[in-house]
């Protein structure tokens, strides 16, 4: 992102977001979209196979104390945000319908 800012002479004082810079130069976030798409496909596969190890790991809870401060967004939490669902149960139900899940992969928004 810094290369676009240098080429467009955008100073850090201007406080432009990365999305605004990308819009200015007419580019899209391709790496983020690729990561989001692969994550979406992997989780869909894992949720459709409940007996496999990766699904057991995804559903598992970590024991111990919580750390102080704002809780970090978990892997499943980010998938729930991307899928626009509130609970893990809704996410599993959505993953069982492969056609709906694949449509979600294609229509994932950038950023």
Protein backbone atom coordinates (compact mmCIF):
# COMPACT_ATOMS: atom_id res chain seq x y z
CA UNK A 1 0.00 0.00 0.00
CA UNK A 2 2.88 2.33 0.76
CA UNK A 3 3.97 2.23 -2.91
CA UNK A 4 0.60 3.61 -4.05
CA UNK A 5 0.78 6.31 -1.41
CA UNK A 6 4.25 7.34 -2.61
CA UNK A 7 3.26 7.33 -6.28
CA UNK A 8 0.14 9.42 -5.61
CA UNK A 9 1.96 11.76 -3.19
CA UNK A 10 -0.46 10.95 -0.38
CA UNK A 11 0.94 12.06 2.96
CA UNK A 12 0.21 10.25 6.21
CA UNK A 13 -1.13 13.59 7.49
CA UNK A 14 -4.06 13.32 5.04
CA UNK A 15 -5.40 10.34 7.02
CA UNK A 16 -6.75 8.52 3.95
CA UNK A 17 -7.79 4.92 4.45
CA UNK A 18 -6.31 2.13 2.37
CA UNK A 19 -9.68 1.68 0.67
CA UNK A 20 -9.66 5.33 -0.42
CA UNK A 21 -6.13 4.97 -1.79
CA UNK A 22 -7.11 1.85 -3.74
CA UNK A 23 -10.17 3.64 -5.15
CA UNK A 24 -7.95 6.56 -6.20
CA UNK A 25 -5.58 4.34 -8.19
CA UNK A 26 -8.35 2.07 -9.49
CA UNK A 27 -7.10 -1.15 -7.88
CA UNK A 28 -8.76 -3.93 -5.87
CA UNK A 29 -7.58 -5.93 -2.88
CA UNK A 30 -6.70 -9.18 -4.61
CA UNK A 31 -4.61 -10.81 -1.88
CA UNK A 32 -7.23 -10.23 0.81
CA UNK A 33 -9.95 -11.58 -1.49
CA UNK A 34 -7.89 -14.69 -2.24
CA UNK A 35 -7.27 -15.35 1.46
CA UNK A 36 -10.94 -14.80 2.31
CA UNK A 37 -12.07 -17.15 -0.48
CA UNK A 38 -9.70 -19.94 0.56
CA UNK A 39 -10.65 -19.57 4.21
CA UNK A 40 -14.34 -19.70 3.25
CA UNK A 41 -13.86 -22.88 1.19
CA UNK A 42 -11.82 -24.64 3.89
CA UNK A 43 -14.33 -23.88 6.63
CA UNK A 44 -17.22 -25.01 4.43
CA UNK A 45 -15.45 -28.31 3.83
CA UNK A 46 -14.66 -28.72 7.52
CA UNK A 47 -18.21 -28.00 8.66
CA UNK A 48 -19.71 -30.52 6.23
CA UNK A 49 -17.54 -33.32 7.68
CA UNK A 50 -18.30 -33.37 11.42
CA UNK A 51 -16.34 -36.53 12.21
CA UNK A 52 -12.98 -35.27 10.91
CA UNK A 53 -10.24 -33.82 13.08
CA UNK A 54 -10.25 -30.31 11.61
CA UNK A 55 -13.94 -29.88 12.48
CA UNK A 56 -13.33 -31.11 16.02
CA UNK A 57 -10.54 -28.53 16.33
CA UNK A 58 -12.75 -25.73 14.93
CA UNK A 59 -15.52 -26.50 17.43
CA UNK A 60 -13.18 -26.90 20.40
CA UNK A 61 -12.90 -24.38 23.19
CA UNK A 62 -9.60 -23.37 24.75
CA UNK A 63 -9.35 -23.88 28.48
CA UNK A 64 -7.87 -21.29 30.78
CA UNK A 65 -8.30 -17.67 31.78
CA UNK A 66 -9.16 -14.88 29.41
CA UNK A 67 -6.59 -12.15 28.95
CA UNK A 68 -7.29 -8.55 29.92
CA UNK A 69 -8.59 -6.12 27.34
CA UNK A 70 -10.70 -6.41 24.24
CA UNK A 71 -11.09 -10.01 23.06
CA UNK A 72 -9.44 -10.81 19.76
CA UNK A 73 -11.59 -11.89 16.86
CA UNK A 74 -11.31 -15.66 16.53
CA UNK A 75 -11.09 -17.61 13.29
CA UNK A 76 -14.69 -18.79 13.63
CA UNK A 77 -15.73 -15.29 14.69
CA UNK A 78 -14.35 -13.87 11.44
CA UNK A 79 -16.09 -16.57 9.40
CA UNK A 80 -19.38 -15.75 11.16
CA UNK A 81 -18.90 -12.08 10.27
CA UNK A 82 -18.16 -12.97 6.63
CA UNK A 83 -21.19 -15.30 6.49
CA UNK A 84 -23.42 -12.69 8.16
CA UNK A 85 -24.68 -15.13 10.80
CA UNK A 86 -24.88 -14.76 14.58
CA UNK A 87 -24.28 -18.27 15.90
CA UNK A 88 -22.05 -21.21 15.10
CA UNK A 89 -25.16 -23.36 14.64
CA UNK A 90 -26.43 -21.05 11.87
CA UNK A 91 -22.99 -21.22 10.25
CA UNK A 92 -23.07 -25.03 10.24
CA UNK A 93 -26.58 -25.05 8.74
CA UNK A 94 -25.49 -22.64 6.02
CA UNK A 95 -22.43 -24.78 5.22
CA UNK A 96 -24.58 -27.89 4.73
CA UNK A 97 -26.19 -26.25 1.70
CA UNK A 98 -23.24 -26.35 -0.72
CA UNK A 99 -24.87 -24.20 -3.38
CA UNK A 100 -25.64 -21.39 -0.93
CA UNK A 101 -22.13 -21.69 0.54
CA UNK A 102 -20.47 -21.42 -2.89
CA UNK A 103 -22.56 -18.38 -3.72
CA UNK A 104 -21.22 -16.87 -0.49
CA UNK A 105 -17.65 -17.53 -1.70
CA UNK A 106 -18.26 -15.68 -4.95
CA UNK A 107 -20.06 -12.72 -3.37
CA UNK A 108 -17.61 -12.07 -0.53
CA UNK A 109 -17.10 -8.29 -0.25
CA UNK A 110 -13.62 -6.77 -0.18
CA UNK A 111 -12.41 -5.33 3.11
